[in-house]
Amino acid sequence: MDVIKVGIVGMGKIARDQHLPAIHGNPDFTFAATVSPNDPGVAGIAHYKTLDALLADGQVVDAVALCTPPQVRYDLAVAALARGLHVFLEKPPGATLAEVVALEEAAAKTGATLFAGWHSRFAAGVAPAKAWLADKRIVRVSIVWREDVRVWHPGQAWIWEPGGLGVFDPGINALSIATEILPNAFFLSSATLSTPANRAAPIAADLAFRDTTGAPISMDLDWRQTGPQSWDVVVETDAGTLSLAKGGAVLTLPDGVQHADDEEYPGLYARFATLIHERRSEVDTRPLQLVADAYLRARRETVEAFDD
């Protein structure tokens, strides 16, 4: 198959820091276009103010990576799929579950690839953690995902709006890891969401899940962390304790550290290329389902106002 011409829609921090290097490092892709109403794009690369303008300019690209806020992603994905373009959805894949299901149906009709890219699943320790846990009995799981929103999302007002997910924007990364590595399905038992008085989305969340065997899974999310940041998953089993640190990059098993840091986005683009070559889609909504359940079932509390 010919090299895949890919464009990036939404030229924010994640696009520049992660998508661009991953595309440049993958021989299956060539970087062909950018779309942004405000960002000037990349020197020497075709730039468009809107996706409609790109689509009107002929077959400039074969695929697009949608790196916009999730609230506007559905219409962009529909337009791209209607032209037969392959679509990479940054996480979360949409603002609602129903729209992601609709996108899957649209992709199936056109034959284009739709890929929901859960980047944390491509951290170095995740695949070997899944393999090690496959035949273990889970006793309990602890997830602690605490970071400083001022460091990671400065001035990003959309993330505090409905559909922006608030603290679940990073928290869904943890859920994407847990749904991938744990051998049994799990579901929400109770939760508390803490929302600043001046915001629409939570700044912290305390969640309790249990899996289908009854094993408890606790999750502590907080966007007010200063100093060292915490992105940890600890799984106690009948064969000892597994831990994933640094967002899945560092895996420690009972006999010591097995895997350390590696890049996530090169793996994402390798997977996207494979799916395109095989004419398949891959859209796992389980992490988003669990977030939706938290909004459905949680107790709400209002906490002090928060400003960047």
Protein backbone atom coordinates (compact mmCIF):
# COMPACT_ATOMS: atom_id res chain seq x y z
CA MET A 1 0.00 0.00 0.00
CA ASP A 2 1.15 3.56 -0.72
CA VAL A 3 2.37 5.78 2.07
CA ILE A 4 -0.60 7.22 3.99
CA LYS A 5 -0.94 11.00 3.76
CA VAL A 6 -2.14 12.22 7.15
CA GLY A 7 -3.33 15.60 8.37
CA ILE A 8 -3.72 16.88 11.92
CA VAL A 9 -6.89 18.72 12.88
CA GLY A 10 -6.33 20.83 15.99
CA MET A 11 -2.76 22.05 16.51
CA GLY A 12 -2.51 22.16 20.28
CA LYS A 13 0.17 20.91 22.65
CA ILE A 14 -0.61 17.21 22.22
CA ALA A 15 -0.45 17.51 18.43
CA ARG A 16 2.93 19.23 18.44
CA ASP A 17 4.51 17.29 21.29
CA GLN A 18 3.30 13.79 20.40
CA HIS A 19 1.55 13.40 17.05
CA LEU A 20 4.07 15.23 14.88
CA PRO A 21 7.14 13.29 16.09
CA ALA A 22 5.27 9.97 15.86
CA ILE A 23 4.16 10.67 12.29
CA HIS A 24 7.65 11.75 11.23
CA GLY A 25 9.09 8.60 12.78
CA ASN A 26 6.75 6.18 10.98
CA PRO A 27 7.52 5.28 7.34
CA ASP A 28 3.89 4.27 6.75
CA PHE A 29 2.86 7.94 7.00
CA THR A 30 3.75 11.25 5.45
CA PHE A 31 2.69 14.48 7.15
CA ALA A 32 0.55 16.33 4.60
CA ALA A 33 -1.64 19.01 6.21
CA THR A 34 -2.73 20.88 9.32
CA VAL A 35 -6.10 22.38 10.23
CA SER A 36 -6.58 25.10 12.83
CA PRO A 37 -8.48 28.41 12.89
CA ASN A 38 -5.79 30.03 15.04
CA ASP A 39 -2.51 28.13 14.88
CA PRO A 40 -0.40 29.00 11.78
CA GLY A 41 0.55 25.39 11.14
CA VAL A 42 3.97 24.02 10.22
CA ALA A 43 6.34 25.59 7.71
CA GLY A 44 6.25 23.85 4.35
CA ILE A 45 3.04 21.93 5.11
CA ALA A 46 -0.36 22.77 3.63
CA HIS A 47 -2.48 24.60 6.21
CA TYR A 48 -6.24 25.19 6.33
CA LYS A 49 -8.45 27.20 8.66
CA THR A 50 -11.19 24.54 8.63
CA LEU A 51 -11.59 20.87 7.81
CA ASP A 52 -14.15 21.81 5.15
CA ALA A 53 -11.46 23.84 3.39
CA LEU A 54 -9.10 20.88 3.45
CA LEU A 55 -11.77 18.53 2.12
CA ALA A 56 -12.65 20.99 -0.66
CA ASP A 57 -9.03 20.99 -1.84
CA GLY A 58 -9.10 17.46 -3.25
CA GLN A 59 -7.26 14.38 -2.04
CA VAL A 60 -4.64 16.19 0.03
CA VAL A 61 -4.82 13.54 2.77
CA ASP A 62 -5.86 9.90 3.19
CA ALA A 63 -6.33 10.15 6.95
CA VAL A 64 -6.80 12.71 9.71
CA ALA A 65 -5.91 12.76 13.39
CA LEU A 66 -8.53 14.71 15.34
CA CYS A 67 -6.75 16.48 18.20
CA THR A 68 -9.50 18.99 18.93
CA PRO A 69 -11.47 19.17 22.19
CA PRO A 70 -13.98 16.28 22.27
CA GLN A 71 -17.03 18.57 22.20
CA VAL A 72 -16.50 19.40 18.50
CA ARG A 73 -15.03 16.13 17.28
CA TYR A 74 -18.18 14.32 16.09
CA ASP A 75 -19.01 16.65 13.18
CA LEU A 76 -15.38 16.67 12.07
CA ALA A 77 -15.19 12.87 12.13
CA VAL A 78 -18.46 12.50 10.23
CA ALA A 79 -17.26 14.86 7.50
CA ALA A 80 -13.93 13.04 7.17
CA LEU A 81 -15.51 9.58 7.11
CA ALA A 82 -18.03 10.71 4.49
CA ARG A 83 -15.07 11.45 2.20
CA GLY A 84 -13.62 8.01 2.89
CA LEU A 85 -10.79 9.32 5.06
CA HIS A 86 -9.41 7.20 7.88
CA VAL A 87 -9.87 8.85 11.28
CA PHE A 88 -7.70 8.75 14.41
CA LEU A 89 -9.62 9.99 17.46
CA GLU A 90 -7.54 11.41 20.30
CA LYS A 91 -8.76 10.38 23.71
CA PRO A 92 -11.51 10.56 24.79
CA PRO A 93 -13.04 9.48 21.47
CA GLY A 94 -16.05 11.76 21.90
CA ALA A 95 -18.08 13.89 24.23
CA THR A 96 -20.78 11.19 24.55
CA LEU A 97 -21.01 7.45 24.14
CA ALA A 98 -23.86 7.66 21.64
CA GLU A 99 -21.90 9.81 19.21
CA VAL A 100 -18.97 7.38 19.25
CA VAL A 101 -21.34 4.52 18.42
CA ALA A 102 -22.72 6.62 15.55
CA LEU A 103 -19.18 7.18 14.28
CA GLU A 104 -18.51 3.45 14.33
CA GLU A 105 -21.59 2.92 12.18
CA ALA A 106 -20.50 5.67 9.78
CA ALA A 107 -17.04 4.12 9.43
CA ALA A 108 -18.54 0.70 8.76
CA LYS A 109 -20.67 2.12 5.94
CA THR A 110 -17.77 3.87 4.22
CA GLY A 111 -15.15 1.17 4.80
CA ALA A 112 -12.78 3.71 6.33
CA THR A 113 -10.78 2.98 9.49
CA LEU A 114 -11.89 4.57 12.76
CA PHE A 115 -9.34 4.30 15.56
CA ALA A 116 -9.91 5.42 19.14
CA GLY A 117 -6.37 6.00 20.35
CA TRP A 118 -5.99 5.28 24.06
CA HIS A 119 -2.37 6.38 24.28
CA SER A 120 -1.72 5.10 27.83
CA ARG A 121 -2.35 1.53 26.64
CA PHE A 122 0.82 1.86 24.58
CA ALA A 123 3.02 2.66 27.58
CA ALA A 124 5.88 0.18 27.92
CA GLY A 125 4.57 -1.73 30.91
CA VAL A 126 0.95 -2.23 29.89
CA ALA A 127 1.14 -5.20 27.50
CA PRO A 128 3.45 -7.26 29.77
CA ALA A 129 1.27 -6.36 32.79
CA LYS A 130 -1.78 -7.71 30.96
CA ALA A 131 0.04 -10.93 30.10
CA TRP A 132 1.22 -11.45 33.70
CA LEU A 133 -2.25 -10.85 35.17
CA ALA A 134 -4.08 -13.10 32.72
CA ASP A 135 -4.06 -16.20 34.96
CA LYS A 136 -3.93 -14.47 38.37
CA ARG A 137 -6.69 -14.05 40.95
CA ILE A 138 -7.18 -10.36 41.65
CA VAL A 139 -7.40 -9.50 45.36
CA ARG A 140 -7.65 -5.71 45.15
CA VAL A 141 -6.62 -2.80 42.93
CA SER A 142 -5.61 0.74 43.82
CA ILE A 143 -5.42 3.53 41.23
CA VAL A 144 -3.96 6.91 42.21
CA TRP A 145 -3.89 9.53 39.46
CA ARG A 146 -2.95 12.93 40.91
CA GLU A 147 -1.51 15.79 38.92
CA ASP A 148 -1.35 19.57 38.76
CA VAL A 149 -3.85 20.91 36.22
CA ARG A 150 -1.99 24.21 36.09
CA VAL A 151 1.04 22.37 34.71
CA TRP A 152 -0.72 20.06 32.25
CA HIS A 153 -3.73 22.10 31.07
CA PRO A 154 -2.98 25.79 31.63
CA GLY A 155 -5.71 28.10 30.36
CA GLN A 156 -7.69 25.35 28.63
CA ALA A 157 -11.21 26.49 29.43
CA TRP A 158 -12.87 23.77 27.32
CA ILE A 159 -11.69 21.07 29.71
CA TRP A 160 -13.86 22.53 32.49
CA GLU A 161 -16.99 22.67 30.34
CA PRO A 162 -19.61 19.91 29.88
CA GLY A 163 -18.05 17.23 27.69
CA GLY A 164 -14.54 18.30 28.63
CA LEU A 165 -14.43 15.71 31.46
CA GLY A 166 -12.51 17.76 34.02
CA VAL A 167 -10.26 15.51 36.13
CA PHE A 168 -11.46 12.53 34.08
CA ASP A 169 -9.43 13.85 31.15
CA PRO A 170 -6.31 12.35 32.78
CA GLY A 171 -8.36 9.86 34.81
CA ILE A 172 -9.66 8.17 31.68
CA ASN A 173 -6.04 7.26 30.88
CA ALA A 174 -5.96 5.21 34.07
CA LEU A 175 -9.26 3.58 33.15
CA SER A 176 -7.92 2.75 29.69
CA ILE A 177 -5.05 0.90 31.37
CA ALA A 178 -7.25 -0.87 33.92
CA THR A 179 -9.76 -2.07 31.32
CA GLU A 180 -6.87 -3.39 29.25
CA ILE A 181 -4.85 -5.25 31.89
CA LEU A 182 -7.41 -6.59 34.37
CA PRO A 183 -8.67 -10.08 33.47
CA ASN A 184 -12.26 -9.47 34.63
CA ALA A 185 -14.80 -6.80 33.74
CA PHE A 186 -15.47 -4.23 36.46
CA PHE A 187 -18.12 -1.65 37.21
CA LEU A 188 -18.83 1.31 39.47
CA SER A 189 -20.22 0.79 42.99
CA SER A 190 -20.06 4.36 44.33
CA ALA A 191 -18.34 7.67 43.71
CA THR A 192 -17.99 11.26 44.87
CA LEU A 193 -17.24 14.02 42.39
CA SER A 194 -15.82 17.30 43.72
CA THR A 195 -16.56 20.26 41.48
CA PRO A 196 -15.30 23.82 42.02
CA ALA A 197 -18.02 26.39 42.61
CA ASN A 198 -17.07 28.22 39.39
CA ARG A 199 -16.65 25.18 37.12
CA ALA A 200 -18.92 22.66 35.39
CA ALA A 201 -16.56 19.66 35.60
CA PRO A 202 -14.94 17.98 38.63
CA ILE A 203 -11.47 18.75 39.90
CA ALA A 204 -11.30 15.54 41.96
CA ALA A 205 -13.08 12.20 42.21
CA ASP A 206 -13.12 9.28 44.64
CA LEU A 207 -14.45 6.11 43.02
CA ALA A 208 -15.10 2.54 44.13
CA PHE A 209 -15.46 -0.25 41.57
CA ARG A 210 -15.64 -4.01 41.89
CA ASP A 211 -14.96 -6.67 39.34
CA THR A 212 -17.16 -9.62 38.47
CA THR A 213 -15.44 -11.75 41.13
CA GLY A 214 -16.06 -9.13 43.81
CA ALA A 215 -12.50 -7.78 44.00
CA PRO A 216 -12.51 -4.08 45.04
CA ILE A 217 -10.93 -1.41 42.85
CA SER A 218 -10.37 2.04 44.33
CA MET A 219 -9.58 5.13 42.28
CA ASP A 220 -8.31 8.47 43.58
CA LEU A 221 -8.27 11.33 41.05
CA ASP A 222 -7.15 14.83 41.91
CA TRP A 223 -6.07 17.80 39.81
CA ARG A 224 -4.73 19.81 42.75
CA GLN A 225 -1.52 17.86 43.23
CA THR A 226 1.67 19.92 43.55
CA GLY A 227 5.21 18.63 43.61
CA PRO A 228 5.72 15.03 42.45
CA GLN A 229 2.89 13.76 40.25
CA SER A 230 1.24 10.35 40.76
CA TRP A 231 0.09 8.06 37.97
CA ASP A 232 0.06 4.65 39.64
CA VAL A 233 -1.85 1.38 39.38
CA VAL A 234 -1.21 -1.31 42.02
CA VAL A 235 -2.77 -4.77 41.62
CA GLU A 236 -2.62 -7.26 44.49
CA THR A 237 -2.98 -10.87 43.34
CA ASP A 238 -2.67 -14.39 44.70
CA ALA A 239 0.84 -14.45 43.23
CA GLY A 240 2.09 -11.17 44.60
CA THR A 241 1.76 -7.47 43.77
CA LEU A 242 2.09 -5.82 40.38
CA SER A 243 2.59 -2.08 40.07
CA LEU A 244 2.55 0.26 37.11
CA ALA A 245 4.09 3.67 37.73
CA LYS A 246 4.56 6.81 35.65
CA GLY A 247 1.34 6.23 33.74
CA GLY A 248 2.17 2.66 32.76
CA ALA A 249 5.77 3.29 31.74
CA VAL A 250 7.39 1.41 34.63
CA LEU A 251 6.23 -2.11 35.46
CA THR A 252 7.30 -3.82 38.68
CA LEU A 253 6.48 -7.49 39.30
CA PRO A 254 7.21 -9.53 42.45
CA ASP A 255 10.67 -10.37 41.10
CA GLY A 256 11.59 -6.77 40.27
CA VAL A 257 11.32 -4.06 37.61
CA GLN A 258 10.59 -5.57 34.23
CA HIS A 259 9.98 -2.62 31.94
CA ALA A 260 10.84 1.06 32.02
CA ASP A 261 10.05 4.22 30.06
CA ASP A 262 9.13 4.11 26.39
CA GLU A 263 7.25 6.33 23.96
CA GLU A 264 3.49 5.81 23.59
CA TYR A 265 2.58 7.61 20.37
CA PRO A 266 4.86 5.68 18.00
CA GLY A 267 2.91 2.59 19.07
CA LEU A 268 -0.37 4.35 18.43
CA TYR A 269 0.59 5.27 14.89
CA ALA A 270 1.95 1.80 14.21
CA ARG A 271 -1.44 0.44 15.27
CA PHE A 272 -3.30 3.00 13.14
CA ALA A 273 -1.27 1.98 10.09
CA THR A 274 -1.96 -1.71 10.72
CA LEU A 275 -5.70 -1.10 10.99
CA ILE A 276 -5.72 0.93 7.77
CA HIS A 277 -3.79 -1.78 5.91
CA GLU A 278 -6.17 -4.43 7.24
CA ARG A 279 -9.25 -2.26 6.53
CA ARG A 280 -10.47 -2.53 10.12
CA SER A 281 -11.62 -0.17 12.86
CA GLU A 282 -10.85 -0.32 16.57
CA VAL A 283 -13.06 1.63 18.96
CA ASP A 284 -13.12 0.54 22.60
CA THR A 285 -15.61 2.63 24.57
CA ARG A 286 -15.15 0.90 27.96
CA PRO A 287 -13.10 3.70 29.56
CA LEU A 288 -15.67 6.29 28.45
CA GLN A 289 -18.51 4.07 29.70
CA LEU A 290 -16.98 4.04 33.17
CA VAL A 291 -16.67 7.83 33.17
CA ALA A 292 -20.28 8.14 32.03
CA ASP A 293 -21.32 5.80 34.87
CA ALA A 294 -19.49 8.03 37.34
CA TYR A 295 -21.47 11.04 36.17
CA LEU A 296 -24.64 8.95 36.34
CA ARG A 297 -24.21 7.44 39.78
CA ALA A 298 -21.88 9.68 41.79
CA ARG A 299 -22.68 11.87 44.75
CA ARG A 300 -21.78 15.50 44.00
CA GLU A 301 -20.09 17.99 46.26
CA THR A 302 -19.14 21.60 45.59
CA VAL A 303 -15.65 22.71 46.62
CA GLU A 304 -13.91 26.08 46.59
CA ALA A 305 -13.62 27.96 43.31
CA PHE A 306 -10.59 27.19 41.16
CA ASP A 307 -8.82 29.58 38.77
CA ASP A 308 -5.78 29.03 36.57
